[in-house]
PDB file of N, CA and C in Angstrom:
ATOM      1  N   MET A   1      13.656 145.772 195.583  1.00  0.00           N
ATOM      2  CA  MET A   1      13.779 147.157 195.951  1.00  0.00           C
ATOM      3  C   MET A   1      12.617 147.523 196.875  1.00  0.00           C
ATOM      4  N   THR A   2      12.902 148.216 197.958  1.00  0.00           N
ATOM      5  CA  THR A   2      11.888 148.595 198.935  1.00  0.00           C
ATOM      6  C   THR A   2      11.354 149.993 198.638  1.00  0.00           C
ATOM      7  N   PRO A   3      10.017 150.163 198.590  1.00  0.00           N
ATOM      8  CA  PRO A   3       9.465 151.501 198.369  1.00  0.00           C
ATOM      9  C   PRO A   3       9.769 152.418 199.554  1.00  0.00           C
ATOM     10  N   THR A   4       9.789 153.709 199.316  1.00  0.00           N
ATOM     11  CA  THR A   4      10.011 154.684 200.377  1.00  0.00           C
ATOM     12  C   THR A   4       8.925 155.751 200.317  1.00  0.00           C
ATOM     13  N   ASP A   5       8.646 156.372 201.470  1.00  0.00           N
ATOM     14  CA  ASP A   5       7.681 157.475 201.473  1.00  0.00           C
ATOM     15  C   ASP A   5       8.393 158.828 201.492  1.00  0.00           C
ATOM     16  N   PHE A   6       9.734 158.820 201.446  1.00  0.00           N
ATOM     17  CA  PHE A   6      10.556 160.029 201.387  1.00  0.00           C
ATOM     18  C   PHE A   6      10.363 160.941 202.597  1.00  0.00           C
ATOM     19  N   ALA A   7       9.934 160.390 203.734  1.00  0.00           N
ATOM     20  CA  ALA A   7       9.655 161.195 204.931  1.00  0.00           C
ATOM     21  C   ALA A   7      10.897 161.893 205.483  1.00  0.00           C
ATOM     22  N   ASP A   8      12.079 161.332 205.260  1.00  0.00           N
ATOM     23  CA  ASP A   8      13.302 161.895 205.830  1.00  0.00           C
ATOM     24  C   ASP A   8      14.017 162.884 204.914  1.00  0.00           C
ATOM     25  N   VAL A   9      13.456 163.173 203.763  1.00  0.00           N
ATOM     26  CA  VAL A   9      14.118 164.061 202.808  1.00  0.00           C
ATOM     27  C   VAL A   9      14.021 165.512 203.274  1.00  0.00           C
ATOM     28  N   GLU A  10      15.160 166.185 203.323  1.00  0.00           N
ATOM     29  CA  GLU A  10      15.207 167.615 203.660  1.00  0.00           C
ATOM     30  C   GLU A  10      15.244 168.397 202.351  1.00  0.00           C
ATOM     31  N   PRO A  11      14.274 169.271 202.133  1.00  0.00           N
ATOM     32  CA  PRO A  11      14.152 169.952 200.844  1.00  0.00           C
ATOM     33  C   PRO A  11      15.042 171.189 200.676  1.00  0.00           C
ATOM     34  N   GLU A  12      16.347 170.987 200.608  1.00  0.00           N
ATOM     35  CA  GLU A  12      17.270 172.102 200.379  1.00  0.00           C
ATOM     36  C   GLU A  12      17.651 172.204 198.910  1.00  0.00           C
ATOM     37  N   ILE A  13      17.805 171.052 198.271  1.00  0.00           N
ATOM     38  CA  ILE A  13      18.124 170.992 196.853  1.00  0.00           C
ATOM     39  C   ILE A  13      17.144 170.031 196.195  1.00  0.00           C
ATOM     40  N   VAL A  14      17.085 170.066 194.873  1.00  0.00           N
ATOM     41  CA  VAL A  14      16.218 169.129 194.165  1.00  0.00           C
ATOM     42  C   VAL A  14      16.841 167.741 194.243  1.00  0.00           C
ATOM     43  N   ALA A  15      16.057 166.797 194.765  1.00  0.00           N
ATOM     44  CA  ALA A  15      16.464 165.404 194.923  1.00  0.00           C
ATOM     45  C   ALA A  15      15.190 164.566 194.929  1.00  0.00           C
ATOM     46  N   PRO A  16      15.301 163.260 194.735  1.00  0.00           N
ATOM     47  CA  PRO A  16      14.094 162.439 194.848  1.00  0.00           C
ATOM     48  C   PRO A  16      13.437 162.644 196.212  1.00  0.00           C
ATOM     49  N   GLY A  17      12.112 162.854 196.182  1.00  0.00           N
ATOM     50  CA  GLY A  17      11.361 163.032 197.413  1.00  0.00           C
ATOM     51  C   GLY A  17      10.994 164.470 197.721  1.00  0.00           C
ATOM     52  N   VAL A  18      11.166 165.381 196.757  1.00  0.00           N
ATOM     53  CA  VAL A  18      10.784 166.781 196.975  1.00  0.00           C
ATOM     54  C   VAL A  18       9.805 167.246 195.899  1.00  0.00           C
ATOM     55  N   GLU A  19       9.083 168.312 196.219  1.00  0.00           N
ATOM     56  CA  GLU A  19       8.279 169.012 195.221  1.00  0.00           C
ATOM     57  C   GLU A  19       9.043 170.254 194.807  1.00  0.00           C
ATOM     58  N   VAL A  20       8.955 170.582 193.527  1.00  0.00           N
ATOM     59  CA  VAL A  20       9.690 171.711 192.974  1.00  0.00           C
ATOM     60  C   VAL A  20       8.708 172.619 192.245  1.00  0.00           C
ATOM     61  N   GLU A  21       8.692 173.890 192.626  1.00  0.00           N
ATOM     62  CA  GLU A  21       7.868 174.868 191.922  1.00  0.00           C
ATOM     63  C   GLU A  21       8.744 175.529 190.863  1.00  0.00           C
ATOM     64  N   LEU A  22       8.270 175.504 189.618  1.00  0.00           N
ATOM     65  CA  LEU A  22       9.049 175.958 188.471  1.00  0.00           C
ATOM     66  C   LEU A  22       8.356 177.112 187.761  1.00  0.00           C
ATOM     67  N   GLU A  23       9.155 177.980 187.155  1.00  0.00           N
ATOM     68  CA  GLU A  23       8.618 178.995 186.249  1.00  0.00           C
ATOM     69  C   GLU A  23       9.421 178.920 184.951  1.00  0.00           C
ATOM     70  N   PHE A  24       8.717 178.620 183.855  1.00  0.00           N
ATOM     71  CA  PHE A  24       9.360 178.505 182.554  1.00  0.00           C
ATOM     72  C   PHE A  24       9.556 179.880 181.934  1.00  0.00           C
ATOM     73  N   GLU A  25      10.377 179.944 180.884  1.00  0.00           N
ATOM     74  CA  GLU A  25      10.712 181.231 180.263  1.00  0.00           C
ATOM     75  C   GLU A  25       9.498 181.967 179.710  1.00  0.00           C
ATOM     76  N   ASP A  26       8.410 181.234 179.431  1.00  0.00           N
ATOM     77  CA  ASP A  26       7.191 181.877 178.922  1.00  0.00           C
ATOM     78  C   ASP A  26       6.257 182.341 180.043  1.00  0.00           C
ATOM     79  N   GLY A  27       6.703 182.211 181.320  1.00  0.00           N
ATOM     80  CA  GLY A  27       5.908 182.641 182.465  1.00  0.00           C
ATOM     81  C   GLY A  27       5.004 181.568 183.044  1.00  0.00           C
ATOM     82  N   ASP A  28       4.888 180.440 182.357  1.00  0.00           N
ATOM     83  CA  ASP A  28       4.064 179.332 182.838  1.00  0.00           C
ATOM     84  C   ASP A  28       4.687 178.746 184.099  1.00  0.00           C
ATOM     85  N   ARG A  29       3.851 178.489 185.102  1.00  0.00           N
ATOM     86  CA  ARG A  29       4.330 177.885 186.356  1.00  0.00           C
ATOM     87  C   ARG A  29       3.791 176.473 186.489  1.00  0.00           C
ATOM     88  N   ARG A  30       4.587 175.621 187.112  1.00  0.00           N
ATOM     89  CA  ARG A  30       4.220 174.216 187.293  1.00  0.00           C
ATOM     90  C   ARG A  30       4.927 173.697 188.536  1.00  0.00           C
ATOM     91  N   THR A  31       4.253 172.815 189.261  1.00  0.00           N
ATOM     92  CA  THR A  31       4.870 172.145 190.401  1.00  0.00           C
ATOM     93  C   THR A  31       4.954 170.666 190.083  1.00  0.00           C
ATOM     94  N   VAL A  32       6.144 170.090 190.292  1.00  0.00           N
ATOM     95  CA  VAL A  32       6.337 168.661 190.076  1.00  0.00           C
ATOM     96  C   VAL A  32       6.890 168.034 191.344  1.00  0.00           C
ATOM     97  N   ALA A  33       6.540 166.777 191.558  1.00  0.00           N
ATOM     98  CA  ALA A  33       7.106 165.989 192.653  1.00  0.00           C
ATOM     99  C   ALA A  33       8.070 164.995 192.023  1.00  0.00           C
ATOM    100  N   VAL A  34       9.336 165.087 192.389  1.00  0.00           N
ATOM    101  CA  VAL A  34      10.358 164.174 191.872  1.00  0.00           C
ATOM    102  C   VAL A  34      10.413 162.985 192.826  1.00  0.00           C
ATOM    103  N   LEU A  35      10.065 161.816 192.317  1.00  0.00           N
ATOM    104  CA  LEU A  35      10.049 160.620 193.170  1.00  0.00           C
ATOM    105  C   LEU A  35      11.010 159.569 192.623  1.00  0.00           C
ATOM    106  N   GLY A  36      10.672 158.292 192.827  1.00  0.00           N
ATOM    107  CA  GLY A  36      11.559 157.199 192.464  1.00  0.00           C
ATOM    108  C   GLY A  36      11.513 156.838 190.986  1.00  0.00           C
ATOM    109  N   VAL A  37      12.345 155.895 190.622  1.00  0.00           N
ATOM    110  CA  VAL A  37      12.535 155.479 189.235  1.00  0.00           C
ATOM    111  C   VAL A  37      11.230 155.100 188.550  1.00  0.00           C
ATOM    112  N   TRP A  38      10.360 154.353 189.203  1.00  0.00           N
ATOM    113  CA  TRP A  38       9.139 153.851 188.565  1.00  0.00           C
ATOM    114  C   TRP A  38       7.918 154.731 188.828  1.00  0.00           C
ATOM    115  N   ASP A  39       8.080 155.805 189.560  1.00  0.00           N
ATOM    116  CA  ASP A  39       6.938 156.647 189.930  1.00  0.00           C
ATOM    117  C   ASP A  39       6.602 157.646 188.830  1.00  0.00           C
ATOM    118  N   HIS A  40       5.307 157.735 188.522  1.00  0.00           N
ATOM    119  CA  HIS A  40       4.843 158.692 187.515  1.00  0.00           C
ATOM    120  C   HIS A  40       3.327 158.812 187.610  1.00  0.00           C
ATOM    121  N   ASP A  41       2.839 160.031 187.708  1.00  0.00           N
ATOM    122  CA  ASP A  41       1.406 160.299 187.648  1.00  0.00           C
ATOM    123  C   ASP A  41       1.245 161.729 187.148  1.00  0.00           C
ATOM    124  N   GLU A  42       0.926 161.862 185.868  1.00  0.00           N
ATOM    125  CA  GLU A  42       0.848 163.180 185.244  1.00  0.00           C
ATOM    126  C   GLU A  42      -0.178 164.076 185.930  1.00  0.00           C
ATOM    127  N   LYS A  43      -1.317 163.507 186.317  1.00  0.00           N
ATOM    128  CA  LYS A  43      -2.389 164.280 186.954  1.00  0.00           C
ATOM    129  C   LYS A  43      -1.919 164.945 188.251  1.00  0.00           C
ATOM    130  N   LEU A  44      -1.092 164.245 189.018  1.00  0.00           N
ATOM    131  CA  LEU A  44      -0.596 164.778 190.291  1.00  0.00           C
ATOM    132  C   LEU A  44       0.747 165.491 190.153  1.00  0.00           C
ATOM    133  N   GLY A  45       1.311 165.522 188.948  1.00  0.00           N
ATOM    134  CA  GLY A  45       2.603 166.174 188.748  1.00  0.00           C
ATOM    135  C   GLY A  45       3.773 165.362 189.253  1.00  0.00           C
ATOM    136  N   ILE A  46       3.599 164.054 189.369  1.00  0.00           N
ATOM    137  CA  ILE A  46       4.663 163.173 189.851  1.00  0.00           C
ATOM    138  C   ILE A  46       5.508 162.733 188.659  1.00  0.00           C
ATOM    139  N   ILE A  47       6.829 162.944 188.778  1.00  0.00           N
ATOM    140  CA  ILE A  47       7.737 162.497 187.726  1.00  0.00           C
ATOM    141  C   ILE A  47       8.825 161.612 188.315  1.00  0.00           C
ATOM    142  N   SER A  48       9.305 160.695 187.504  1.00  0.00           N
ATOM    143  CA  SER A  48      10.407 159.818 187.890  1.00  0.00           C
ATOM    144  C   SER A  48      11.690 160.634 188.011  1.00  0.00           C
ATOM    145  N   CYS A  49      12.548 160.230 188.928  1.00  0.00           N
ATOM    146  CA  CYS A  49      13.846 160.893 189.069  1.00  0.00           C
ATOM    147  C   CYS A  49      14.715 160.688 187.832  1.00  0.00           C
ATOM    148  N   GLU A  50      14.321 159.759 186.953  1.00  0.00           N
ATOM    149  CA  GLU A  50      15.067 159.524 185.720  1.00  0.00           C
ATOM    150  C   GLU A  50      14.461 160.242 184.512  1.00  0.00           C
ATOM    151  N   ALA A  51      13.347 160.949 184.698  1.00  0.00           N
ATOM    152  CA  ALA A  51      12.742 161.712 183.601  1.00  0.00           C
ATOM    153  C   ALA A  51      13.695 162.845 183.200  1.00  0.00           C
ATOM    154  N   PRO A  52      13.707 163.227 181.923  1.00  0.00           N
ATOM    155  CA  PRO A  52      14.616 164.298 181.487  1.00  0.00           C
ATOM    156  C   PRO A  52      14.478 165.592 182.293  1.00  0.00           C
ATOM    157  N   LEU A  53      13.259 165.995 182.630  1.00  0.00           N
ATOM    158  CA  LEU A  53      13.083 167.208 183.429  1.00  0.00           C
ATOM    159  C   LEU A  53      13.717 167.043 184.802  1.00  0.00           C
ATOM    160  N   ALA A  54      13.472 165.918 185.450  1.00  0.00           N
ATOM    161  CA  ALA A  54      14.058 165.671 186.772  1.00  0.00           C
ATOM    162  C   ALA A  54      15.581 165.661 186.697  1.00  0.00           C
ATOM    163  N   GLN A  55      16.125 165.017 185.685  1.00  0.00           N
ATOM    164  CA  GLN A  55      17.583 164.965 185.535  1.00  0.00           C
ATOM    165  C   GLN A  55      18.178 166.368 185.411  1.00  0.00           C
ATOM    166  N   ALA A  56      17.473 167.266 184.725  1.00  0.00           N
ATOM    167  CA  ALA A  56      17.953 168.641 184.581  1.00  0.00           C
ATOM    168  C   ALA A  56      17.890 169.404 185.904  1.00  0.00           C
ATOM    169  N   LEU A  57      16.952 169.028 186.781  1.00  0.00           N
ATOM    170  CA  LEU A  57      16.737 169.747 188.042  1.00  0.00           C
ATOM    171  C   LEU A  57      17.591 169.243 189.199  1.00  0.00           C
ATOM    172  N   LEU A  58      17.929 167.959 189.204  1.00  0.00           N
ATOM    173  CA  LEU A  58      18.604 167.345 190.349  1.00  0.00           C
ATOM    174  C   LEU A  58      19.860 168.117 190.756  1.00  0.00           C
ATOM    175  N   GLY A  59      19.969 168.373 192.065  1.00  0.00           N
ATOM    176  CA  GLY A  59      21.133 169.042 192.626  1.00  0.00           C
ATOM    177  C   GLY A  59      21.053 170.563 192.631  1.00  0.00           C
ATOM    178  N   HIS A  60      20.013 171.124 192.033  1.00  0.00           N
ATOM    179  CA  HIS A  60      19.881 172.583 191.964  1.00  0.00           C
ATOM    180  C   HIS A  60      19.036 173.117 193.120  1.00  0.00           C
ATOM    181  N   ARG A  61      19.138 174.434 193.349  1.00  0.00           N
ATOM    182  CA  ARG A  61      18.483 175.108 194.473  1.00  0.00           C
ATOM    183  C   ARG A  61      17.487 176.163 193.987  1.00  0.00           C
ATOM    184  N   PRO A  62      16.591 176.587 194.898  1.00  0.00           N
ATOM    185  CA  PRO A  62      15.681 177.684 194.554  1.00  0.00           C
ATOM    186  C   PRO A  62      16.465 178.918 194.102  1.00  0.00           C
ATOM    187  N   GLY A  63      15.910 179.600 193.107  1.00  0.00           N
ATOM    188  CA  GLY A  63      16.540 180.800 192.570  1.00  0.00           C
ATOM    189  C   GLY A  63      17.424 180.540 191.366  1.00  0.00           C
ATOM    190  N   GLU A  64      17.803 179.293 191.149  1.00  0.00           N
ATOM    191  CA  GLU A  64      18.682 178.978 190.023  1.00  0.00           C
ATOM    192  C   GLU A  64      17.906 178.901 188.715  1.00  0.00           C
ATOM    193  N   MET A  65      18.556 179.377 187.652  1.00  0.00           N
ATOM    194  CA  MET A  65      18.044 179.241 186.287  1.00  0.00           C
ATOM    195  C   MET A  65      18.657 177.972 185.701  1.00  0.00           C
ATOM    196  N   ILE A  66      17.829 177.184 185.026  1.00  0.00           N
ATOM    197  CA  ILE A  66      18.271 175.909 184.465  1.00  0.00           C
ATOM    198  C   ILE A  66      18.046 175.922 182.959  1.00  0.00           C
ATOM    199  N   GLU A  67      19.068 175.531 182.222  1.00  0.00           N
ATOM    200  CA  GLU A  67      18.923 175.316 180.782  1.00  0.00           C
ATOM    201  C   GLU A  67      18.487 173.871 180.590  1.00  0.00           C
ATOM    202  N   LEU A  68      17.407 173.682 179.855  1.00  0.00           N
ATOM    203  CA  LEU A  68      16.875 172.338 179.644  1.00  0.00           C
ATOM    204  C   LEU A  68      17.580 171.659 178.478  1.00  0.00           C
ATOM    205  N   PRO A  69      17.631 170.314 178.510  1.00  0.00           N
ATOM    206  CA  PRO A  69      18.304 169.569 177.439  1.00  0.00           C
ATOM    207  C   PRO A  69      17.642 169.800 176.079  1.00  0.00           C
ATOM    208  N   ARG A  70      18.430 169.678 175.032  1.00  0.00           N
ATOM    209  CA  ARG A  70      17.896 169.773 173.669  1.00  0.00           C
ATOM    210  C   ARG A  70      16.781 168.767 173.479  1.00  0.00           C
ATOM    211  N   GLY A  71      15.804 169.159 172.710  1.00  0.00           N
ATOM    212  CA  GLY A  71      14.692 168.259 172.433  1.00  0.00           C
ATOM    213  C   GLY A  71      13.502 168.465 173.351  1.00  0.00           C
ATOM    214  N   MET A  72      13.688 169.190 174.437  1.00  0.00           N
ATOM    215  CA  MET A  72      12.555 169.477 175.312  1.00  0.00           C
ATOM    216  C   MET A  72      11.776 170.652 174.727  1.00  0.00           C
ATOM    217  N   GLU A  73      10.499 170.699 175.024  1.00  0.00           N
ATOM    218  CA  GLU A  73       9.611 171.717 174.468  1.00  0.00           C
ATOM    219  C   GLU A  73      10.066 173.141 174.804  1.00  0.00           C
ATOM    220  N   ARG A  74      10.545 173.332 176.015  1.00  0.00           N
ATOM    221  CA  ARG A  74      10.990 174.655 176.456  1.00  0.00           C
ATOM    222  C   ARG A  74      12.498 174.644 176.643  1.00  0.00           C
ATOM    223  N   LYS A  75      13.092 175.842 176.695  1.00  0.00           N
ATOM    224  CA  LYS A  75      14.547 175.939 176.747  1.00  0.00           C
ATOM    225  C   LYS A  75      15.113 176.171 178.140  1.00  0.00           C
ATOM    226  N   SER A  76      14.364 176.901 178.989  1.00  0.00           N
ATOM    227  CA  SER A  76      14.906 177.217 180.311  1.00  0.00           C
ATOM    228  C   SER A  76      13.784 177.406 181.322  1.00  0.00           C
ATOM    229  N   LEU A  77      14.182 177.382 182.593  1.00  0.00           N
ATOM    230  CA  LEU A  77      13.233 177.595 183.681  1.00  0.00           C
ATOM    231  C   LEU A  77      13.973 178.110 184.895  1.00  0.00           C
ATOM    232  N   LYS A  78      13.209 178.622 185.842  1.00  0.00           N
ATOM    233  CA  LYS A  78      13.754 179.051 187.129  1.00  0.00           C
ATOM    234  C   LYS A  78      13.106 178.209 188.209  1.00  0.00           C
ATOM    235  N   ILE A  79      13.916 177.759 189.170  1.00  0.00           N
ATOM    236  CA  ILE A  79      13.390 177.027 190.321  1.00  0.00           C
ATOM    237  C   ILE A  79      12.930 178.065 191.340  1.00  0.00           C
ATOM    238  N   LEU A  80      11.636 178.095 191.604  1.00  0.00           N
ATOM    239  CA  LEU A  80      11.077 179.060 192.553  1.00  0.00           C
ATOM    240  C   LEU A  80      11.136 178.550 193.984  1.00  0.00           C
ATOM    241  N   ALA A  81      10.890 177.246 194.175  1.00  0.00           N
ATOM    242  CA  ALA A  81      10.866 176.684 195.530  1.00  0.00           C
ATOM    243  C   ALA A  81      11.125 175.187 195.479  1.00  0.00           C
ATOM    244  N   VAL A  82      11.704 174.685 196.553  1.00  0.00           N
ATOM    245  CA  VAL A  82      11.881 173.246 196.768  1.00  0.00           C
ATOM    246  C   VAL A  82      11.311 172.971 198.147  1.00  0.00           C
ATOM    247  N   ARG A  83      10.388 172.025 198.233  1.00  0.00           N
ATOM    248  CA  ARG A  83       9.738 171.753 199.525  1.00  0.00           C
ATOM    249  C   ARG A  83       9.417 170.265 199.664  1.00  0.00           C
ATOM    250  N   ARG A  84       8.988 169.909 200.865  1.00  0.00           N
ATOM    251  CA  ARG A  84       8.558 168.524 201.120  1.00  0.00           C
ATOM    252  C   ARG A  84       7.369 168.189 200.230  1.00  0.00           C
ATOM    253  N   ILE A  85       7.220 166.923 199.915  1.00  0.00           N
ATOM    254  CA  ILE A  85       6.083 166.507 199.098  1.00  0.00           C
ATOM    255  C   ILE A  85       4.779 166.733 199.856  1.00  0.00           C
ATOM    256  N   SER A  86       3.734 167.005 199.104  1.00  0.00           N
ATOM    257  CA  SER A  86       2.425 167.300 199.692  1.00  0.00           C
ATOM    258  C   SER A  86       1.776 166.044 200.264  1.00  0.00           C
ATOM    259  N   ALA A  87       0.774 166.251 201.095  1.00  0.00           N
ATOM    260  CA  ALA A  87       0.011 165.132 201.661  1.00  0.00           C
ATOM    261  C   ALA A  87      -0.636 164.315 200.548  1.00  0.00           C
ATOM    262  N   ARG A  88      -1.075 164.980 199.506  1.00  0.00           N
ATOM    263  CA  ARG A  88      -1.703 164.277 198.379  1.00  0.00           C
ATOM    264  C   ARG A  88      -0.721 163.310 197.705  1.00  0.00           C
ATOM    265  N   VAL A  89       0.515 163.751 197.518  1.00  0.00           N
ATOM    266  CA  VAL A  89       1.532 162.880 196.921  1.00  0.00           C
ATOM    267  C   VAL A  89       1.891 161.757 197.888  1.00  0.00           C
ATOM    268  N   ARG A  90       1.997 162.058 199.187  1.00  0.00           N
ATOM    269  CA  ARG A  90       2.263 160.991 200.172  1.00  0.00           C
ATOM    270  C   ARG A  90       1.159 159.943 200.141  1.00  0.00           C
ATOM    271  N   ASP A  91      -0.103 160.387 200.024  1.00  0.00           N
ATOM    272  CA  ASP A  91      -1.216 159.437 199.918  1.00  0.00           C
ATOM    273  C   ASP A  91      -1.054 158.563 198.679  1.00  0.00           C
ATOM    274  N   TRP A  92      -0.639 159.152 197.567  1.00  0.00           N
ATOM    275  CA  TRP A  92      -0.419 158.396 196.333  1.00  0.00           C
ATOM    276  C   TRP A  92       0.657 157.328 196.551  1.00  0.00           C
ATOM    277  N   ILE A  93       1.749 157.719 197.220  1.00  0.00           N
ATOM    278  CA  ILE A  93       2.842 156.777 197.486  1.00  0.00           C
ATOM    279  C   ILE A  93       2.345 155.600 198.317  1.00  0.00           C
ATOM    280  N   ARG A  94       1.529 155.889 199.306  1.00  0.00           N
ATOM    281  CA  ARG A  94       1.018 154.845 200.209  1.00  0.00           C
ATOM    282  C   ARG A  94      -0.155 154.077 199.622  1.00  0.00           C
ATOM    283  N   GLY A  95      -0.663 154.531 198.472  1.00  0.00           N
ATOM    284  CA  GLY A  95      -1.804 153.859 197.857  1.00  0.00           C
ATOM    285  C   GLY A  95      -3.117 154.196 198.526  1.00  0.00           C
ATOM    286  N   GLU A  96      -3.176 155.333 199.249  1.00  0.00           N
ATOM    287  CA  GLU A  96      -4.383 155.743 199.968  1.00  0.00           C
ATOM    288  C   GLU A  96      -5.230 156.696 199.136  1.00  0.00           C
ATOM    289  N   GLU A  97      -6.439 156.949 199.610  1.00  0.00           N
ATOM    290  CA  GLU A  97      -7.325 157.953 199.024  1.00  0.00           C
ATOM    291  C   GLU A  97      -7.588 157.718 197.542  1.00  0.00           C
ATOM    292  N   GLY A  98      -7.617 156.455 197.140  1.00  0.00           N
ATOM    293  CA  GLY A  98      -7.909 156.167 195.747  1.00  0.00           C
ATOM    294  C   GLY A  98      -6.714 156.299 194.825  1.00  0.00           C
ATOM    295  N   TYR A  99      -5.553 156.693 195.370  1.00  0.00           N
ATOM    296  CA  TYR A  99      -4.354 156.783 194.550  1.00  0.00           C
ATOM    297  C   TYR A  99      -3.660 155.440 194.598  1.00  0.00           C
ATOM    298  N   GLY A 100      -2.901 155.138 193.599  1.00  0.00           N
ATOM    299  CA  GLY A 100      -2.161 153.886 193.599  1.00  0.00           C
ATOM    300  C   GLY A 100      -0.747 154.101 193.129  1.00  0.00           C
ATOM    301  N   ALA A 101       0.196 153.994 194.034  1.00  0.00           N
ATOM    302  CA  ALA A 101       1.593 154.139 193.647  1.00  0.00           C
ATOM    303  C   ALA A 101       1.968 153.013 192.707  1.00  0.00           C
ATOM    304  N   LYS A 102       2.747 153.352 191.719  1.00  0.00           N
ATOM    305  CA  LYS A 102       3.179 152.365 190.736  1.00  0.00           C
ATOM    306  C   LYS A 102       4.582 151.914 191.105  1.00  0.00           C
ATOM    307  N   THR A 103       4.679 150.878 191.905  1.00  0.00           N
ATOM    308  CA  THR A 103       5.981 150.359 192.302  1.00  0.00           C
ATOM    309  C   THR A 103       6.103 148.936 191.818  1.00  0.00           C
ATOM    310  N   GLU A 104       7.337 148.503 191.625  1.00  0.00           N
ATOM    311  CA  GLU A 104       7.576 147.129 191.178  1.00  0.00           C
ATOM    312  C   GLU A 104       8.554 146.461 192.110  1.00  0.00           C
TER     313      GLU A 104
END
């Protein structure tokens, strides 16, 4: 499998290669970067496209309310924004700036 830097991803809907700004029902906000199957870095907010949160978000657009799967800590969230991944996440993917992408 060849790694990708997700440079060609257009951030209209949640898909691998985008950052998603979320607001949970308790008002807590969080930004996550949905990347590839083996990608994960909690400190940078990088989650695998196969993570339960990512699976709940995939295919949705800004403004949509999402009900989260049973067993997750929270019950619902709103997608505030979908955008291109940040330079910091791109550096992580490329293994630059002290970051190391976890690819196999």
